[in-house]
Amino acid sequence: VQLQASGGGLVQAGGSLRLSCAASGTSLRFNTMNWYRQAPGKQREWVALVTRGGVTNYADSVKGRFTITRDNAKNTVYLQMNSLQPEDTAVYYCNTAGHWGQGTLVTVSS
């Protein structure tokens, strides 16, 4: 499985970004998909998940601001991030079944 994350960038506080994670090599329709992030100098932390049935769960720090969705036809999972804050600055990674994408950098300026 290869995971390719994209969509990161520089945004002002209060802004929005949508991250994408496209998979190749296998269908992900039966997998739980996760987003993680790692801020500078900190450990990687879990952000959100979506099960194969579409059930979602979020870290408390992003609940109400981030939305994870999946498009099985495109073999892609998304992370819509709204009301971004400087503390959301991190490299964001998608993950499934022990496989990691290369990460995409999100920088939120104050």
C-alpha atoms as a PDB file:
ATOM      1  CA  VAL A   1       0.000   0.000   0.000  1.00  0.00           C
ATOM      2  CA  GLN A   2       1.274   3.449  -0.904  1.00  0.00           C
ATOM      3  CA  LEU A   3      -0.318   6.513   0.630  1.00  0.00           C
ATOM      4  CA  GLN A   4       0.166   9.967  -0.860  1.00  0.00           C
ATOM      5  CA  ALA A   5      -0.900  12.905   1.291  1.00  0.00           C
ATOM      6  CA  SER A   6      -1.376  16.340  -0.195  1.00  0.00           C
ATOM      7  CA  GLY A   7      -3.122  19.642   0.397  1.00  0.00           C
ATOM      8  CA  GLY A   8      -0.950  21.180   3.067  1.00  0.00           C
ATOM      9  CA  GLY A   9       0.233  24.751   2.969  1.00  0.00           C
ATOM     10  CA  LEU A  10       0.392  28.064   4.762  1.00  0.00           C
ATOM     11  CA  VAL A  11      -2.835  29.551   6.060  1.00  0.00           C
ATOM     12  CA  GLN A  12      -3.758  32.309   8.470  1.00  0.00           C
ATOM     13  CA  ALA A  13      -5.430  31.549  11.773  1.00  0.00           C
ATOM     14  CA  GLY A  14      -9.134  31.016  11.255  1.00  0.00           C
ATOM     15  CA  GLY A  15      -8.615  29.690   7.756  1.00  0.00           C
ATOM     16  CA  SER A  16      -9.312  26.298   6.224  1.00  0.00           C
ATOM     17  CA  LEU A  17      -7.483  23.589   4.342  1.00  0.00           C
ATOM     18  CA  ARG A  18      -8.482  20.229   2.945  1.00  0.00           C
ATOM     19  CA  LEU A  19      -5.974  17.416   3.029  1.00  0.00           C
ATOM     20  CA  SER A  20      -6.194  14.404   0.754  1.00  0.00           C
ATOM     21  CA  CYS A  21      -4.660  10.969   1.085  1.00  0.00           C
ATOM     22  CA  ALA A  22      -4.749   8.871  -2.050  1.00  0.00           C
ATOM     23  CA  ALA A  23      -3.927   5.205  -1.861  1.00  0.00           C
ATOM     24  CA  SER A  24      -2.515   2.909  -4.463  1.00  0.00           C
ATOM     25  CA  GLY A  25      -1.648  -0.737  -4.493  1.00  0.00           C
ATOM     26  CA  THR A  26      -4.829  -1.936  -2.856  1.00  0.00           C
ATOM     27  CA  SER A  27      -8.389  -0.954  -2.202  1.00  0.00           C
ATOM     28  CA  LEU A  28      -8.933   0.764   1.110  1.00  0.00           C
ATOM     29  CA  ARG A  29     -12.669   0.302   1.197  1.00  0.00           C
ATOM     30  CA  PHE A  30     -12.450  -2.208   4.028  1.00  0.00           C
ATOM     31  CA  ASN A  31      -9.865  -0.313   6.060  1.00  0.00           C
ATOM     32  CA  THR A  32     -10.148   2.100   8.919  1.00  0.00           C
ATOM     33  CA  MET A  33      -8.289   5.216   7.854  1.00  0.00           C
ATOM     34  CA  ASN A  34      -6.494   7.551  10.234  1.00  0.00           C
ATOM     35  CA  TRP A  35      -4.951  10.981  10.188  1.00  0.00           C
ATOM     36  CA  TYR A  36      -2.092  11.762  12.556  1.00  0.00           C
ATOM     37  CA  ARG A  37       0.028  14.856  12.979  1.00  0.00           C
ATOM     38  CA  GLN A  38       3.424  15.710  14.371  1.00  0.00           C
ATOM     39  CA  ALA A  39       4.226  19.222  15.482  1.00  0.00           C
ATOM     40  CA  PRO A  40       7.833  20.434  15.688  1.00  0.00           C
ATOM     41  CA  GLY A  41       9.521  18.964  18.736  1.00  0.00           C
ATOM     42  CA  LYS A  42       6.511  16.877  19.698  1.00  0.00           C
ATOM     43  CA  GLN A  43       5.437  13.283  19.376  1.00  0.00           C
ATOM     44  CA  ARG A  44       3.113  12.173  16.625  1.00  0.00           C
ATOM     45  CA  GLU A  45      -0.503  12.299  17.758  1.00  0.00           C
ATOM     46  CA  TRP A  46      -3.659  10.783  16.412  1.00  0.00           C
ATOM     47  CA  VAL A  47      -6.163  13.254  14.928  1.00  0.00           C
ATOM     48  CA  ALA A  48      -9.118  11.423  13.404  1.00  0.00           C
ATOM     49  CA  LEU A  49     -10.369   8.150  11.978  1.00  0.00           C
ATOM     50  CA  VAL A  50     -13.089   6.867   9.703  1.00  0.00           C
ATOM     51  CA  THR A  51     -14.101   3.223   9.687  1.00  0.00           C
ATOM     52  CA  ARG A  52     -15.071   1.235   6.631  1.00  0.00           C
ATOM     53  CA  GLY A  53     -18.665   1.839   7.626  1.00  0.00           C
ATOM     54  CA  GLY A  54     -18.199   5.591   7.797  1.00  0.00           C
ATOM     55  CA  VAL A  55     -18.098   5.956  11.560  1.00  0.00           C
ATOM     56  CA  THR A  56     -15.808   8.806  12.576  1.00  0.00           C
ATOM     57  CA  ASN A  57     -13.947   9.778  15.715  1.00  0.00           C
ATOM     58  CA  TYR A  58     -11.775  12.763  16.567  1.00  0.00           C
ATOM     59  CA  ALA A  59      -9.199  13.909  19.036  1.00  0.00           C
ATOM     60  CA  ASP A  60     -10.658  16.402  21.478  1.00  0.00           C
ATOM     61  CA  SER A  61      -8.312  19.088  20.195  1.00  0.00           C
ATOM     62  CA  VAL A  62      -9.904  19.060  16.723  1.00  0.00           C
ATOM     63  CA  LYS A  63     -13.464  17.995  17.460  1.00  0.00           C
ATOM     64  CA  GLY A  64     -15.960  20.384  15.894  1.00  0.00           C
ATOM     65  CA  ARG A  65     -13.330  21.899  13.581  1.00  0.00           C
ATOM     66  CA  PHE A  66     -12.032  18.956  11.515  1.00  0.00           C
ATOM     67  CA  THR A  67     -14.039  16.507   9.424  1.00  0.00           C
ATOM     68  CA  ILE A  68     -12.727  13.231   8.044  1.00  0.00           C
ATOM     69  CA  THR A  69     -14.426  11.681   5.031  1.00  0.00           C
ATOM     70  CA  ARG A  70     -13.648   8.943   2.549  1.00  0.00           C
ATOM     71  CA  ASP A  71     -14.391   8.299  -1.100  1.00  0.00           C
ATOM     72  CA  ASN A  72     -13.998   4.598  -1.719  1.00  0.00           C
ATOM     73  CA  ALA A  73     -14.471   5.011  -5.454  1.00  0.00           C
ATOM     74  CA  LYS A  74     -11.401   7.269  -5.532  1.00  0.00           C
ATOM     75  CA  ASN A  75      -9.535   5.278  -2.874  1.00  0.00           C
ATOM     76  CA  THR A  76      -9.011   8.540  -1.045  1.00  0.00           C
ATOM     77  CA  VAL A  77      -9.575   9.914   2.431  1.00  0.00           C
ATOM     78  CA  TYR A  78      -9.896  13.611   3.213  1.00  0.00           C
ATOM     79  CA  LEU A  79      -9.447  15.839   6.215  1.00  0.00           C
ATOM     80  CA  GLN A  80     -11.338  19.118   6.085  1.00  0.00           C
ATOM     81  CA  MET A  81      -9.783  21.488   8.580  1.00  0.00           C
ATOM     82  CA  ASN A  82     -11.649  24.637   9.560  1.00  0.00           C
ATOM     83  CA  SER A  83     -10.954  27.348  12.109  1.00  0.00           C
ATOM     84  CA  LEU A  84      -7.270  26.515  12.013  1.00  0.00           C
ATOM     85  CA  GLN A  85      -5.089  27.739  14.839  1.00  0.00           C
ATOM     86  CA  PRO A  86      -1.312  28.086  15.160  1.00  0.00           C
ATOM     87  CA  GLU A  87      -1.280  25.009  17.390  1.00  0.00           C
ATOM     88  CA  ASP A  88      -2.523  22.982  14.424  1.00  0.00           C
ATOM     89  CA  THR A  89       0.817  23.553  12.722  1.00  0.00           C
ATOM     90  CA  ALA A  90       2.288  20.127  12.035  1.00  0.00           C
ATOM     91  CA  VAL A  91       3.114  17.550   9.436  1.00  0.00           C
ATOM     92  CA  TYR A  92      -0.044  15.556   8.800  1.00  0.00           C
ATOM     93  CA  TYR A  93       0.134  11.870   7.965  1.00  0.00           C
ATOM     94  CA  CYS A  94      -2.435   9.373   6.813  1.00  0.00           C
ATOM     95  CA  ASN A  95      -2.264   5.848   8.095  1.00  0.00           C
ATOM     96  CA  THR A  96      -3.926   2.528   7.626  1.00  0.00           C
ATOM     97  CA  ALA A  97      -3.069  -0.997   8.678  1.00  0.00           C
ATOM     98  CA  GLY A  98       0.446  -0.029   9.663  1.00  0.00           C
ATOM     99  CA  HIS A  99       1.182   1.890   6.467  1.00  0.00           C
ATOM    100  CA  TRP A 100       2.115   5.576   6.524  1.00  0.00           C
ATOM    101  CA  GLY A 101       2.071   8.265   3.889  1.00  0.00           C
ATOM    102  CA  GLN A 102       4.928  10.730   3.525  1.00  0.00           C
ATOM    103  CA  GLY A 103       3.143  13.588   5.268  1.00  0.00           C
ATOM    104  CA  THR A 104       2.044  17.044   4.229  1.00  0.00           C
ATOM    105  CA  LEU A 105       3.022  20.204   6.102  1.00  0.00           C
ATOM    106  CA  VAL A 106       0.362  22.524   7.476  1.00  0.00           C
ATOM    107  CA  THR A 107       1.520  25.871   8.796  1.00  0.00           C
ATOM    108  CA  VAL A 108      -0.933  28.210  10.494  1.00  0.00           C
ATOM    109  CA  SER A 109       0.221  31.767  11.058  1.00  0.00           C
ATOM    110  CA  SER A 110      -1.169  33.966  13.806  1.00  0.00           C
END
